[in-house]
Amino acid sequence: MARSVRDLALLMDAVAGPDPMDATSLDLPPRFQEALEGPLSSSASGWCGRPSPGIAPG
């Protein structure tokens, strides 16, 4: 999907945002790139080597 978190933030800023056809959509601009400018709070990421039962690999 992207080569870096910054690339993903750029993508999310482009596709996220208010939708005039969706009554539940908030009228706020996306700010994913802006979130990368400050210090990061504690975060975690993970990787699962085996898929969950019932989920095909690939």
PDB file of N, CA and C in Angstrom:
ATOM      1  N   MET A   1       0.816  -1.183   0.000  1.00  0.00           N
ATOM      2  CA  MET A   1       0.000   0.000   0.000  1.00  0.00           C
ATOM      3  C   MET A   1       0.870   1.261   0.000  1.00  0.00           C
ATOM      4  N   ALA A   2       1.944   1.245   0.782  1.00  0.00           N
ATOM      5  CA  ALA A   2       2.836   2.404   0.839  1.00  0.00           C
ATOM      6  C   ALA A   2       4.199   1.954   1.369  1.00  0.00           C
ATOM      7  N   ARG A   3       5.192   2.783   1.174  1.00  0.00           N
ATOM      8  CA  ARG A   3       6.544   2.438   1.612  1.00  0.00           C
ATOM      9  C   ARG A   3       6.861   2.947   3.012  1.00  0.00           C
ATOM     10  N   SER A   4       6.060   3.876   3.533  1.00  0.00           N
ATOM     11  CA  SER A   4       6.347   4.426   4.855  1.00  0.00           C
ATOM     12  C   SER A   4       5.059   4.890   5.527  1.00  0.00           C
ATOM     13  N   VAL A   5       5.164   5.163   6.806  1.00  0.00           N
ATOM     14  CA  VAL A   5       4.021   5.698   7.557  1.00  0.00           C
ATOM     15  C   VAL A   5       3.646   7.068   7.001  1.00  0.00           C
ATOM     16  N   ARG A   6       4.641   7.851   6.619  1.00  0.00           N
ATOM     17  CA  ARG A   6       4.372   9.179   6.055  1.00  0.00           C
ATOM     18  C   ARG A   6       3.581   9.063   4.739  1.00  0.00           C
ATOM     19  N   ASP A   7       3.936   8.086   3.909  1.00  0.00           N
ATOM     20  CA  ASP A   7       3.181   7.856   2.670  1.00  0.00           C
ATOM     21  C   ASP A   7       1.742   7.463   2.970  1.00  0.00           C
ATOM     22  N   LEU A   8       1.548   6.619   3.987  1.00  0.00           N
ATOM     23  CA  LEU A   8       0.191   6.226   4.366  1.00  0.00           C
ATOM     24  C   LEU A   8      -0.605   7.411   4.895  1.00  0.00           C
ATOM     25  N   ALA A   9       0.040   8.284   5.660  1.00  0.00           N
ATOM     26  CA  ALA A   9      -0.640   9.477   6.169  1.00  0.00           C
ATOM     27  C   ALA A   9      -1.078  10.367   5.005  1.00  0.00           C
ATOM     28  N   LEU A  10      -0.238  10.510   3.992  1.00  0.00           N
ATOM     29  CA  LEU A  10      -0.588  11.291   2.810  1.00  0.00           C
ATOM     30  C   LEU A  10      -1.790  10.667   2.098  1.00  0.00           C
ATOM     31  N   LEU A  11      -1.775   9.349   1.961  1.00  0.00           N
ATOM     32  CA  LEU A  11      -2.893   8.645   1.341  1.00  0.00           C
ATOM     33  C   LEU A  11      -4.181   8.841   2.146  1.00  0.00           C
ATOM     34  N   MET A  12      -4.094   8.681   3.460  1.00  0.00           N
ATOM     35  CA  MET A  12      -5.285   8.837   4.298  1.00  0.00           C
ATOM     36  C   MET A  12      -5.828  10.267   4.241  1.00  0.00           C
ATOM     37  N   ASP A  13      -4.953  11.266   4.188  1.00  0.00           N
ATOM     38  CA  ASP A  13      -5.420  12.657   4.055  1.00  0.00           C
ATOM     39  C   ASP A  13      -6.148  12.860   2.732  1.00  0.00           C
ATOM     40  N   ALA A  14      -5.712  12.141   1.706  1.00  0.00           N
ATOM     41  CA  ALA A  14      -6.344  12.291   0.389  1.00  0.00           C
ATOM     42  C   ALA A  14      -7.713  11.628   0.325  1.00  0.00           C
ATOM     43  N   VAL A  15      -7.872  10.471   0.966  1.00  0.00           N
ATOM     44  CA  VAL A  15      -9.134   9.735   0.825  1.00  0.00           C
ATOM     45  C   VAL A  15     -10.094   9.941   1.992  1.00  0.00           C
ATOM     46  N   ALA A  16      -9.609  10.419   3.121  1.00  0.00           N
ATOM     47  CA  ALA A  16     -10.479  10.617   4.287  1.00  0.00           C
ATOM     48  C   ALA A  16     -11.113  11.998   4.240  1.00  0.00           C
ATOM     49  N   GLY A  17     -12.114  12.173   5.028  1.00  0.00           N
ATOM     50  CA  GLY A  17     -12.751  13.486   5.116  1.00  0.00           C
ATOM     51  C   GLY A  17     -14.256  13.372   5.056  1.00  0.00           C
ATOM     52  N   PRO A  18     -14.926  14.487   5.162  1.00  0.00           N
ATOM     53  CA  PRO A  18     -16.389  14.473   5.188  1.00  0.00           C
ATOM     54  C   PRO A  18     -16.983  13.997   3.861  1.00  0.00           C
ATOM     55  N   ASP A  19     -18.102  13.299   3.974  1.00  0.00           N
ATOM     56  CA  ASP A  19     -18.826  12.796   2.812  1.00  0.00           C
ATOM     57  C   ASP A  19     -20.224  13.401   2.849  1.00  0.00           C
ATOM     58  N   PRO A  20     -20.575  14.260   1.903  1.00  0.00           N
ATOM     59  CA  PRO A  20     -21.889  14.901   1.920  1.00  0.00           C
ATOM     60  C   PRO A  20     -23.044  13.907   1.769  1.00  0.00           C
ATOM     61  N   MET A  21     -22.765  12.698   1.294  1.00  0.00           N
ATOM     62  CA  MET A  21     -23.817  11.693   1.129  1.00  0.00           C
ATOM     63  C   MET A  21     -23.959  10.788   2.360  1.00  0.00           C
ATOM     64  N   ASP A  22     -23.110  10.992   3.384  1.00  0.00           N
ATOM     65  CA  ASP A  22     -23.128  10.162   4.584  1.00  0.00           C
ATOM     66  C   ASP A  22     -23.529  11.013   5.778  1.00  0.00           C
ATOM     67  N   ALA A  23     -24.716  10.746   6.332  1.00  0.00           N
ATOM     68  CA  ALA A  23     -25.231  11.534   7.453  1.00  0.00           C
ATOM     69  C   ALA A  23     -24.401  11.342   8.724  1.00  0.00           C
ATOM     70  N   THR A  24     -23.621  10.269   8.824  1.00  0.00           N
ATOM     71  CA  THR A  24     -22.826  10.024  10.025  1.00  0.00           C
ATOM     72  C   THR A  24     -21.405  10.570   9.905  1.00  0.00           C
ATOM     73  N   SER A  25     -21.055  11.134   8.769  1.00  0.00           N
ATOM     74  CA  SER A  25     -19.721  11.672   8.522  1.00  0.00           C
ATOM     75  C   SER A  25     -19.529  13.002   9.260  1.00  0.00           C
ATOM     76  N   LEU A  26     -18.366  13.176   9.883  1.00  0.00           N
ATOM     77  CA  LEU A  26     -18.063  14.431  10.570  1.00  0.00           C
ATOM     78  C   LEU A  26     -17.507  15.444   9.579  1.00  0.00           C
ATOM     79  N   ASP A  27     -17.834  16.694   9.782  1.00  0.00           N
ATOM     80  CA  ASP A  27     -17.356  17.755   8.900  1.00  0.00           C
ATOM     81  C   ASP A  27     -16.021  18.289   9.423  1.00  0.00           C
ATOM     82  N   LEU A  28     -15.033  17.412   9.462  1.00  0.00           N
ATOM     83  CA  LEU A  28     -13.697  17.771   9.935  1.00  0.00           C
ATOM     84  C   LEU A  28     -12.669  17.383   8.880  1.00  0.00           C
ATOM     85  N   PRO A  29     -11.648  18.204   8.698  1.00  0.00           N
ATOM     86  CA  PRO A  29     -10.616  17.836   7.727  1.00  0.00           C
ATOM     87  C   PRO A  29      -9.746  16.709   8.285  1.00  0.00           C
ATOM     88  N   PRO A  30      -9.250  15.828   7.433  1.00  0.00           N
ATOM     89  CA  PRO A  30      -8.344  14.779   7.914  1.00  0.00           C
ATOM     90  C   PRO A  30      -7.013  15.393   8.320  1.00  0.00           C
ATOM     91  N   ARG A  31      -6.383  14.831   9.334  1.00  0.00           N
ATOM     92  CA  ARG A  31      -5.125  15.383   9.842  1.00  0.00           C
ATOM     93  C   ARG A  31      -4.108  14.288  10.149  1.00  0.00           C
ATOM     94  N   PHE A  32      -3.975  13.330   9.267  1.00  0.00           N
ATOM     95  CA  PHE A  32      -3.063  12.227   9.519  1.00  0.00           C
ATOM     96  C   PHE A  32      -1.606  12.672   9.421  1.00  0.00           C
ATOM     97  N   GLN A  33      -1.267  13.507   8.436  1.00  0.00           N
ATOM     98  CA  GLN A  33       0.115  13.993   8.308  1.00  0.00           C
ATOM     99  C   GLN A  33       0.482  14.878   9.486  1.00  0.00           C
ATOM    100  N   GLU A  34      -0.478  15.668   9.938  1.00  0.00           N
ATOM    101  CA  GLU A  34      -0.249  16.567  11.073  1.00  0.00           C
ATOM    102  C   GLU A  34       0.089  15.766  12.330  1.00  0.00           C
ATOM    103  N   ALA A  35      -0.519  14.595  12.474  1.00  0.00           N
ATOM    104  CA  ALA A  35      -0.284  13.761  13.655  1.00  0.00           C
ATOM    105  C   ALA A  35       1.159  13.258  13.713  1.00  0.00           C
ATOM    106  N   LEU A  36       1.841  13.209  12.587  1.00  0.00           N
ATOM    107  CA  LEU A  36       3.216  12.722  12.567  1.00  0.00           C
ATOM    108  C   LEU A  36       4.224  13.785  12.971  1.00  0.00           C
ATOM    109  N   GLU A  37       3.818  15.030  13.072  1.00  0.00           N
ATOM    110  CA  GLU A  37       4.751  16.121  13.353  1.00  0.00           C
ATOM    111  C   GLU A  37       5.164  16.197  14.812  1.00  0.00           C
ATOM    112  N   GLY A  38       4.289  15.819  15.729  1.00  0.00           N
ATOM    113  CA  GLY A  38       4.602  15.894  17.150  1.00  0.00           C
ATOM    114  C   GLY A  38       5.244  14.616  17.643  1.00  0.00           C
ATOM    115  N   PRO A  39       5.540  14.582  18.939  1.00  0.00           N
ATOM    116  CA  PRO A  39       6.114  13.354  19.500  1.00  0.00           C
ATOM    117  C   PRO A  39       5.066  12.238  19.489  1.00  0.00           C
ATOM    118  N   LEU A  40       5.535  11.028  19.290  1.00  0.00           N
ATOM    119  CA  LEU A  40       4.632   9.888  19.293  1.00  0.00           C
ATOM    120  C   LEU A  40       4.398   9.432  20.725  1.00  0.00           C
ATOM    121  N   SER A  41       3.155   9.138  21.046  1.00  0.00           N
ATOM    122  CA  SER A  41       2.864   8.558  22.350  1.00  0.00           C
ATOM    123  C   SER A  41       3.221   7.080  22.276  1.00  0.00           C
ATOM    124  N   SER A  42       3.101   6.423  23.364  1.00  0.00           N
ATOM    125  CA  SER A  42       3.439   4.997  23.343  1.00  0.00           C
ATOM    126  C   SER A  42       2.544   4.282  22.339  1.00  0.00           C
ATOM    127  N   SER A  43       3.122   3.446  21.568  1.00  0.00           N
ATOM    128  CA  SER A  43       2.368   2.716  20.560  1.00  0.00           C
ATOM    129  C   SER A  43       2.956   1.316  20.442  1.00  0.00           C
ATOM    130  N   ALA A  44       2.189   0.457  19.854  1.00  0.00           N
ATOM    131  CA  ALA A  44       2.638  -0.910  19.666  1.00  0.00           C
ATOM    132  C   ALA A  44       2.218  -1.386  18.288  1.00  0.00           C
ATOM    133  N   SER A  45       2.989  -2.254  17.736  1.00  0.00           N
ATOM    134  CA  SER A  45       2.623  -2.890  16.482  1.00  0.00           C
ATOM    135  C   SER A  45       2.960  -4.363  16.611  1.00  0.00           C
ATOM    136  N   GLY A  46       2.343  -5.156  15.800  1.00  0.00           N
ATOM    137  CA  GLY A  46       2.578  -6.580  15.909  1.00  0.00           C
ATOM    138  C   GLY A  46       2.458  -7.267  14.576  1.00  0.00           C
ATOM    139  N   TRP A  47       2.906  -8.488  14.544  1.00  0.00           N
ATOM    140  CA  TRP A  47       2.833  -9.301  13.345  1.00  0.00           C
ATOM    141  C   TRP A  47       2.503 -10.714  13.784  1.00  0.00           C
ATOM    142  N   CYS A  48       1.559 -11.304  13.118  1.00  0.00           N
ATOM    143  CA  CYS A  48       1.144 -12.662  13.436  1.00  0.00           C
ATOM    144  C   CYS A  48       1.693 -13.600  12.366  1.00  0.00           C
ATOM    145  N   GLY A  49       2.511 -14.542  12.753  1.00  0.00           N
ATOM    146  CA  GLY A  49       3.105 -15.467  11.799  1.00  0.00           C
ATOM    147  C   GLY A  49       2.130 -16.510  11.278  1.00  0.00           C
ATOM    148  N   ARG A  50       1.074 -16.771  12.044  1.00  0.00           N
ATOM    149  CA  ARG A  50       0.075 -17.756  11.617  1.00  0.00           C
ATOM    150  C   ARG A  50      -1.275 -17.079  11.536  1.00  0.00           C
ATOM    151  N   PRO A  51      -2.043 -17.354  10.487  1.00  0.00           N
ATOM    152  CA  PRO A  51      -3.385 -16.786  10.408  1.00  0.00           C
ATOM    153  C   PRO A  51      -4.310 -17.421  11.435  1.00  0.00           C
ATOM    154  N   SER A  52      -5.345 -16.719  11.813  1.00  0.00           N
ATOM    155  CA  SER A  52      -6.337 -17.251  12.738  1.00  0.00           C
ATOM    156  C   SER A  52      -7.099 -18.396  12.080  1.00  0.00           C
ATOM    157  N   PRO A  53      -7.640 -19.292  12.877  1.00  0.00           N
ATOM    158  CA  PRO A  53      -8.419 -20.398  12.290  1.00  0.00           C
ATOM    159  C   PRO A  53      -9.544 -19.878  11.409  1.00  0.00           C
ATOM    160  N   GLY A  54      -9.687 -20.467  10.244  1.00  0.00           N
ATOM    161  CA  GLY A  54     -10.748 -20.064   9.333  1.00  0.00           C
ATOM    162  C   GLY A  54     -10.347 -18.972   8.361  1.00  0.00           C
ATOM    163  N   ILE A  55      -9.136 -18.428   8.496  1.00  0.00           N
ATOM    164  CA  ILE A  55      -8.672 -17.373   7.595  1.00  0.00           C
ATOM    165  C   ILE A  55      -7.592 -17.957   6.699  1.00  0.00           C
ATOM    166  N   ALA A  56      -7.802 -17.872   5.414  1.00  0.00           N
ATOM    167  CA  ALA A  56      -6.843 -18.428   4.464  1.00  0.00           C
ATOM    168  C   ALA A  56      -5.622 -17.525   4.357  1.00  0.00           C
ATOM    169  N   PRO A  57      -4.419 -18.098   4.341  1.00  0.00           N
ATOM    170  CA  PRO A  57      -3.223 -17.272   4.181  1.00  0.00           C
ATOM    171  C   PRO A  57      -3.150 -16.654   2.795  1.00  0.00           C
ATOM    172  N   GLY A  58      -2.477 -15.509   2.733  1.00  0.00           N
ATOM    173  CA  GLY A  58      -2.253 -14.912   1.430  1.00  0.00           C
ATOM    174  C   GLY A  58      -2.940 -13.652   1.275  1.00  0.00           C
TER     175      GLY A  58
END
